[in-house]
């Protein structure tokens, strides 16, 4: 569908119409979302504190060095071993411009859902 905001160009939006859905074709970025955003929904059962146990059961965080992260879940989460140095520069430039309602989190640029060099898609991570 032509998008008027980009000079009526048609932008491709790949869909995960395979076993595992979009997790089979995405960039493997693993990000829970910012805790404040869940809390601002003000919906019973959807606060960050309510969802944290589910996030923890889902993850197998290889580093597991914080109380917020766990090991043993079906989705393997690793820290990016060699992050691109331009990411740090980008964030340093973006942080002063950020809206203070939702602080910029560096979590998403540091974690991916992968096991070794292979993606950890939903299809392969789900219990049988």
N, C-alpha and C. Protein backbone atom coordinates (compact mmCIF):
# COMPACT_ATOMS: atom_id res chain seq x y z
N UNK A 1 0.85 -1.17 0.00
CA UNK A 1 0.00 0.00 0.00
C UNK A 1 0.90 1.25 0.00
N UNK A 2 0.67 2.18 -0.90
CA UNK A 2 1.49 3.41 -0.94
C UNK A 2 1.34 4.21 0.36
N UNK A 3 2.46 4.72 0.83
CA UNK A 3 2.49 5.49 2.07
C UNK A 3 2.75 6.95 1.72
N UNK A 4 1.78 7.82 1.97
CA UNK A 4 1.92 9.22 1.58
C UNK A 4 3.04 9.93 2.33
N UNK A 5 3.38 9.47 3.54
CA UNK A 5 4.43 10.12 4.33
C UNK A 5 5.82 9.91 3.74
N UNK A 6 5.96 8.95 2.83
CA UNK A 6 7.27 8.67 2.21
C UNK A 6 7.16 8.73 0.69
N UNK A 7 6.54 9.80 0.21
CA UNK A 7 6.44 10.06 -1.22
C UNK A 7 5.71 8.94 -1.96
N UNK A 8 4.67 8.39 -1.32
CA UNK A 8 3.83 7.34 -1.91
C UNK A 8 4.58 6.07 -2.31
N UNK A 9 5.69 5.82 -1.64
CA UNK A 9 6.41 4.57 -1.90
C UNK A 9 5.70 3.42 -1.20
N UNK A 10 5.88 2.24 -1.74
CA UNK A 10 5.37 1.02 -1.11
C UNK A 10 6.54 0.41 -0.36
N UNK A 11 6.38 0.26 0.95
CA UNK A 11 7.45 -0.27 1.78
C UNK A 11 7.22 -1.75 2.07
N UNK A 12 8.23 -2.58 1.84
CA UNK A 12 8.05 -4.00 2.14
C UNK A 12 8.02 -4.24 3.65
N UNK A 13 7.10 -5.05 4.07
CA UNK A 13 6.99 -5.43 5.48
C UNK A 13 6.93 -6.95 5.52
N UNK A 14 8.07 -7.60 5.73
CA UNK A 14 8.06 -9.07 5.74
C UNK A 14 7.21 -9.61 6.87
N UNK A 15 6.53 -10.69 6.59
CA UNK A 15 5.69 -11.34 7.59
C UNK A 15 6.24 -12.74 7.85
N UNK A 16 6.12 -13.17 9.07
CA UNK A 16 6.61 -14.48 9.45
C UNK A 16 5.57 -15.56 9.24
N UNK A 17 5.28 -15.87 8.02
CA UNK A 17 4.27 -16.90 7.74
C UNK A 17 4.94 -18.26 7.62
N UNK A 18 5.63 -18.60 8.69
CA UNK A 18 6.33 -19.88 8.79
C UNK A 18 6.18 -20.38 10.22
N UNK A 19 6.58 -21.60 10.47
CA UNK A 19 6.56 -22.13 11.82
C UNK A 19 7.46 -21.28 12.71
N UNK A 20 6.91 -20.73 13.77
CA UNK A 20 7.67 -19.84 14.64
C UNK A 20 7.31 -18.38 14.43
N UNK A 21 6.54 -18.09 13.39
CA UNK A 21 6.11 -16.72 13.14
C UNK A 21 7.25 -15.77 12.89
N UNK A 22 7.04 -14.51 13.27
CA UNK A 22 8.03 -13.46 13.00
C UNK A 22 9.36 -13.72 13.69
N UNK A 23 9.37 -14.52 14.75
CA UNK A 23 10.65 -14.79 15.41
C UNK A 23 11.57 -15.59 14.52
N UNK A 24 11.04 -16.18 13.43
CA UNK A 24 11.89 -16.93 12.50
C UNK A 24 12.58 -16.03 11.48
N UNK A 25 12.11 -14.79 11.34
CA UNK A 25 12.72 -13.92 10.33
C UNK A 25 13.25 -12.61 10.91
N UNK A 26 13.05 -12.37 12.20
CA UNK A 26 13.44 -11.08 12.76
C UNK A 26 14.95 -10.97 12.99
N UNK A 27 15.37 -9.87 13.53
CA UNK A 27 16.79 -9.62 13.77
C UNK A 27 17.31 -10.22 15.05
N UNK A 28 16.54 -11.04 15.72
CA UNK A 28 16.91 -11.74 16.94
C UNK A 28 17.06 -10.83 18.15
N UNK A 29 16.65 -9.57 18.05
CA UNK A 29 16.76 -8.67 19.20
C UNK A 29 15.82 -9.17 20.29
N UNK A 30 16.32 -9.20 21.51
CA UNK A 30 15.50 -9.62 22.64
C UNK A 30 15.31 -8.42 23.56
N UNK A 31 14.06 -8.05 23.76
CA UNK A 31 13.77 -6.87 24.56
C UNK A 31 12.43 -7.05 25.24
N UNK A 32 12.40 -6.90 26.54
CA UNK A 32 11.16 -7.06 27.29
C UNK A 32 10.24 -5.86 27.18
N UNK A 33 10.76 -4.71 26.96
CA UNK A 33 9.99 -3.48 27.04
C UNK A 33 10.34 -2.77 28.33
N UNK A 34 10.04 -1.50 28.41
CA UNK A 34 10.38 -0.72 29.60
C UNK A 34 9.32 -0.94 30.68
N UNK A 35 9.77 -1.16 31.90
CA UNK A 35 8.85 -1.45 33.01
C UNK A 35 7.79 -0.37 33.17
N UNK A 36 8.16 0.86 33.00
CA UNK A 36 7.22 1.96 33.18
C UNK A 36 6.07 1.88 32.19
N UNK A 37 6.35 1.42 30.98
CA UNK A 37 5.28 1.34 29.98
C UNK A 37 4.23 0.31 30.38
N UNK A 38 4.63 -0.82 30.91
CA UNK A 38 3.64 -1.81 31.39
C UNK A 38 2.82 -1.21 32.53
N UNK A 39 3.51 -0.56 33.46
CA UNK A 39 2.82 0.00 34.62
C UNK A 39 1.84 1.10 34.23
N UNK A 40 2.16 1.87 33.19
CA UNK A 40 1.28 2.96 32.76
C UNK A 40 -0.01 2.45 32.11
N UNK A 41 -0.03 1.20 31.68
CA UNK A 41 -1.27 0.64 31.14
C UNK A 41 -2.35 0.60 32.21
N UNK A 42 -1.94 0.42 33.44
CA UNK A 42 -2.87 0.34 34.58
C UNK A 42 -3.96 -0.69 34.35
N UNK A 43 -3.55 -1.84 33.85
CA UNK A 43 -4.48 -2.94 33.63
C UNK A 43 -4.16 -4.05 34.62
N UNK A 44 -5.15 -4.57 35.32
CA UNK A 44 -4.90 -5.64 36.29
C UNK A 44 -4.19 -6.83 35.62
N UNK A 45 -3.12 -7.27 36.25
CA UNK A 45 -2.36 -8.41 35.74
C UNK A 45 -1.32 -8.08 34.70
N UNK A 46 -1.22 -6.80 34.28
CA UNK A 46 -0.30 -6.42 33.22
C UNK A 46 0.79 -5.46 33.69
N UNK A 47 0.99 -5.31 34.97
CA UNK A 47 2.10 -4.47 35.44
C UNK A 47 3.41 -5.22 35.20
N UNK A 48 4.50 -4.51 35.24
CA UNK A 48 5.79 -5.16 35.03
C UNK A 48 6.03 -6.21 36.12
N UNK A 49 5.67 -5.89 37.35
CA UNK A 49 5.85 -6.85 38.45
C UNK A 49 5.03 -8.12 38.21
N UNK A 50 3.83 -7.96 37.63
CA UNK A 50 3.00 -9.12 37.32
C UNK A 50 3.61 -9.98 36.22
N UNK A 51 4.22 -9.33 35.23
CA UNK A 51 4.76 -10.04 34.07
C UNK A 51 6.17 -10.58 34.27
N UNK A 52 6.91 -10.01 35.21
CA UNK A 52 8.30 -10.41 35.42
C UNK A 52 8.48 -11.93 35.60
N UNK A 53 7.66 -12.61 36.39
CA UNK A 53 7.84 -14.06 36.52
C UNK A 53 7.70 -14.80 35.19
N UNK A 54 6.84 -14.30 34.31
CA UNK A 54 6.68 -14.94 32.99
C UNK A 54 7.90 -14.69 32.12
N UNK A 55 8.42 -13.47 32.15
CA UNK A 55 9.65 -13.19 31.41
C UNK A 55 10.77 -14.10 31.90
N UNK A 56 10.88 -14.24 33.21
CA UNK A 56 11.95 -15.05 33.79
C UNK A 56 11.81 -16.52 33.43
N UNK A 57 10.58 -17.05 33.39
CA UNK A 57 10.39 -18.45 33.00
C UNK A 57 10.68 -18.67 31.52
N UNK A 58 10.49 -17.63 30.72
CA UNK A 58 10.72 -17.72 29.29
C UNK A 58 12.21 -17.76 28.95
N UNK A 59 13.03 -17.08 29.72
CA UNK A 59 14.43 -16.85 29.37
C UNK A 59 15.38 -17.93 29.85
N UNK A 60 16.39 -18.13 29.04
CA UNK A 60 17.60 -18.82 29.47
C UNK A 60 18.71 -17.81 29.22
N UNK A 61 18.91 -16.92 30.17
CA UNK A 61 19.89 -15.85 30.00
C UNK A 61 21.26 -16.37 30.38
N UNK A 62 22.14 -16.50 29.39
CA UNK A 62 23.42 -17.14 29.61
C UNK A 62 24.27 -16.44 30.66
N UNK A 63 24.23 -15.12 30.71
CA UNK A 63 25.05 -14.41 31.70
C UNK A 63 24.44 -14.51 33.10
N UNK A 64 23.12 -14.38 33.21
CA UNK A 64 22.37 -14.52 34.47
C UNK A 64 23.07 -13.87 35.65
N UNK A 65 23.47 -12.63 35.50
CA UNK A 65 24.19 -11.96 36.59
C UNK A 65 23.35 -10.97 37.36
N UNK A 66 22.04 -10.91 37.10
CA UNK A 66 21.17 -10.00 37.86
C UNK A 66 19.96 -10.77 38.37
N UNK A 67 19.34 -10.29 39.42
CA UNK A 67 18.13 -10.94 39.92
C UNK A 67 16.97 -10.87 38.93
N UNK A 68 17.03 -9.94 37.98
CA UNK A 68 15.96 -9.78 36.99
C UNK A 68 16.00 -10.85 35.90
N UNK A 69 17.12 -11.52 35.74
CA UNK A 69 17.32 -12.50 34.66
C UNK A 69 17.44 -13.90 35.22
N UNK A 70 16.99 -14.89 34.46
CA UNK A 70 17.02 -16.27 34.92
C UNK A 70 17.61 -17.19 33.86
N UNK A 71 17.93 -18.38 34.28
CA UNK A 71 18.34 -19.45 33.37
C UNK A 71 17.31 -20.56 33.41
N UNK A 72 17.27 -21.35 32.35
CA UNK A 72 16.42 -22.53 32.34
C UNK A 72 15.21 -22.45 31.44
N UNK A 73 14.88 -21.26 30.90
CA UNK A 73 13.72 -21.14 30.03
C UNK A 73 14.01 -21.59 28.61
N UNK A 74 12.99 -21.68 27.77
CA UNK A 74 13.16 -22.18 26.41
C UNK A 74 13.79 -21.20 25.43
N UNK A 75 13.77 -19.88 25.71
CA UNK A 75 14.34 -18.90 24.78
C UNK A 75 15.72 -18.48 25.29
N UNK A 76 16.73 -18.85 24.53
CA UNK A 76 18.09 -18.52 24.91
C UNK A 76 18.37 -17.05 24.62
N UNK A 77 18.87 -16.33 25.62
CA UNK A 77 19.16 -14.90 25.49
C UNK A 77 20.64 -14.70 25.81
N UNK A 78 21.34 -14.05 24.89
CA UNK A 78 22.76 -13.80 25.10
C UNK A 78 23.05 -12.31 24.95
N UNK A 79 24.14 -11.87 25.56
CA UNK A 79 24.64 -10.53 25.31
C UNK A 79 25.41 -10.57 23.99
N UNK A 80 25.27 -9.53 23.20
CA UNK A 80 26.00 -9.46 21.94
C UNK A 80 27.49 -9.42 22.27
N UNK A 81 28.28 -10.38 21.76
CA UNK A 81 29.68 -10.45 22.15
C UNK A 81 30.52 -9.26 21.69
N UNK A 82 30.26 -8.74 20.50
CA UNK A 82 31.03 -7.61 19.97
C UNK A 82 30.06 -6.57 19.40
N UNK A 83 29.44 -5.75 20.28
CA UNK A 83 28.49 -4.76 19.76
C UNK A 83 29.19 -3.75 18.86
N UNK A 84 28.46 -3.27 17.88
CA UNK A 84 28.99 -2.27 16.97
C UNK A 84 29.29 -0.99 17.75
N UNK A 85 30.51 -0.44 17.63
CA UNK A 85 30.84 0.77 18.38
C UNK A 85 29.99 1.98 17.98
N UNK A 86 29.39 1.97 16.81
CA UNK A 86 28.55 3.09 16.40
C UNK A 86 27.27 3.16 17.22
N UNK A 87 26.84 2.04 17.79
CA UNK A 87 25.63 2.04 18.60
C UNK A 87 25.82 2.94 19.81
N UNK A 88 26.95 2.85 20.47
CA UNK A 88 27.23 3.70 21.62
C UNK A 88 27.23 5.17 21.24
N UNK A 89 27.79 5.48 20.11
CA UNK A 89 27.80 6.87 19.64
C UNK A 89 26.39 7.36 19.32
N UNK A 90 25.61 6.49 18.69
CA UNK A 90 24.24 6.84 18.36
C UNK A 90 23.45 7.15 19.64
N UNK A 91 23.57 6.28 20.64
CA UNK A 91 22.84 6.51 21.89
C UNK A 91 23.33 7.76 22.60
N UNK A 92 24.63 8.00 22.58
CA UNK A 92 25.15 9.21 23.23
C UNK A 92 24.56 10.45 22.58
N UNK A 93 24.35 10.42 21.27
CA UNK A 93 23.76 11.56 20.57
C UNK A 93 22.25 11.64 20.81
N UNK A 94 21.59 10.48 20.96
CA UNK A 94 20.13 10.46 21.09
C UNK A 94 19.65 10.78 22.50
N UNK A 95 20.39 10.40 23.50
CA UNK A 95 19.92 10.55 24.88
C UNK A 95 19.56 11.99 25.23
N UNK A 96 20.37 13.00 24.87
CA UNK A 96 19.96 14.37 25.20
C UNK A 96 18.68 14.82 24.50
N UNK A 97 18.33 14.16 23.41
CA UNK A 97 17.14 14.53 22.64
C UNK A 97 15.90 13.74 23.06
N UNK A 98 16.07 12.75 23.93
CA UNK A 98 14.99 11.82 24.26
C UNK A 98 13.88 12.50 25.05
N UNK A 99 12.70 11.99 24.82
CA UNK A 99 11.55 12.41 25.62
C UNK A 99 11.72 11.80 27.01
N UNK A 100 11.53 12.57 28.04
CA UNK A 100 11.77 12.07 29.39
C UNK A 100 10.66 11.15 29.88
N UNK A 101 9.57 11.03 29.14
CA UNK A 101 8.48 10.14 29.55
C UNK A 101 8.89 8.68 29.45
N UNK A 102 9.72 8.33 28.48
CA UNK A 102 10.19 6.96 28.31
C UNK A 102 11.69 6.98 28.06
N UNK A 103 12.48 6.72 29.08
CA UNK A 103 13.92 6.79 28.91
C UNK A 103 14.43 5.77 27.90
N UNK A 104 15.50 6.15 27.22
CA UNK A 104 16.12 5.24 26.26
C UNK A 104 16.78 4.11 27.01
N UNK A 105 16.48 2.89 26.60
CA UNK A 105 17.08 1.73 27.22
C UNK A 105 18.13 1.15 26.29
N UNK A 106 19.25 0.79 26.84
CA UNK A 106 20.30 0.16 26.03
C UNK A 106 20.16 -1.35 26.03
N UNK A 107 19.15 -1.88 26.71
CA UNK A 107 19.00 -3.33 26.81
C UNK A 107 18.85 -3.99 25.45
N UNK A 108 18.05 -3.41 24.58
CA UNK A 108 17.76 -4.04 23.30
C UNK A 108 18.98 -4.15 22.40
N UNK A 109 19.92 -3.27 22.56
CA UNK A 109 21.09 -3.34 21.69
C UNK A 109 22.14 -4.30 22.23
N UNK A 110 21.90 -4.86 23.38
CA UNK A 110 22.88 -5.75 23.99
C UNK A 110 22.45 -7.20 24.03
N UNK A 111 21.19 -7.50 23.74
CA UNK A 111 20.70 -8.86 23.90
C UNK A 111 20.03 -9.35 22.61
N UNK A 112 20.27 -10.61 22.33
CA UNK A 112 19.63 -11.25 21.19
C UNK A 112 19.15 -12.63 21.63
N UNK A 113 18.16 -13.14 20.93
CA UNK A 113 17.70 -14.50 21.21
C UNK A 113 18.41 -15.44 20.25
N UNK A 114 19.48 -16.03 20.74
CA UNK A 114 20.30 -16.91 19.92
C UNK A 114 20.97 -17.94 20.80
N UNK A 115 21.36 -19.03 20.19
CA UNK A 115 22.13 -20.07 20.85
C UNK A 115 23.36 -20.27 19.98
N UNK A 116 24.50 -19.76 20.47
CA UNK A 116 25.69 -19.76 19.63
C UNK A 116 25.49 -18.78 18.49
N UNK A 117 25.63 -19.26 17.27
CA UNK A 117 25.43 -18.40 16.11
C UNK A 117 24.08 -18.63 15.44
N UNK A 118 23.19 -19.35 16.09
CA UNK A 118 21.89 -19.66 15.50
C UNK A 118 20.78 -18.96 16.27
N UNK A 119 19.79 -18.45 15.56
CA UNK A 119 18.67 -17.76 16.19
C UNK A 119 17.88 -18.73 17.07
N UNK A 120 17.26 -18.19 18.08
CA UNK A 120 16.41 -18.97 18.96
C UNK A 120 14.97 -18.55 18.69
N UNK A 121 14.39 -19.11 17.64
CA UNK A 121 13.02 -18.75 17.23
C UNK A 121 12.01 -19.45 18.12
N UNK A 122 10.79 -18.95 18.10
CA UNK A 122 9.72 -19.51 18.91
C UNK A 122 9.50 -20.98 18.58
N UNK A 123 9.57 -21.33 17.30
CA UNK A 123 9.30 -22.73 16.89
C UNK A 123 10.29 -23.69 17.55
N UNK A 124 11.55 -23.32 17.62
CA UNK A 124 12.55 -24.19 18.20
C UNK A 124 12.62 -24.10 19.70
N UNK A 125 12.12 -23.02 20.27
CA UNK A 125 12.21 -22.80 21.71
C UNK A 125 11.01 -23.33 22.47
N UNK A 126 9.90 -23.54 21.77
CA UNK A 126 8.67 -23.97 22.44
C UNK A 126 8.78 -25.41 22.90
N UNK A 127 8.23 -25.69 24.07
CA UNK A 127 8.22 -27.08 24.53
C UNK A 127 7.39 -27.95 23.59
N UNK A 128 7.80 -29.16 23.42
CA UNK A 128 7.07 -30.07 22.51
C UNK A 128 5.91 -30.72 23.19
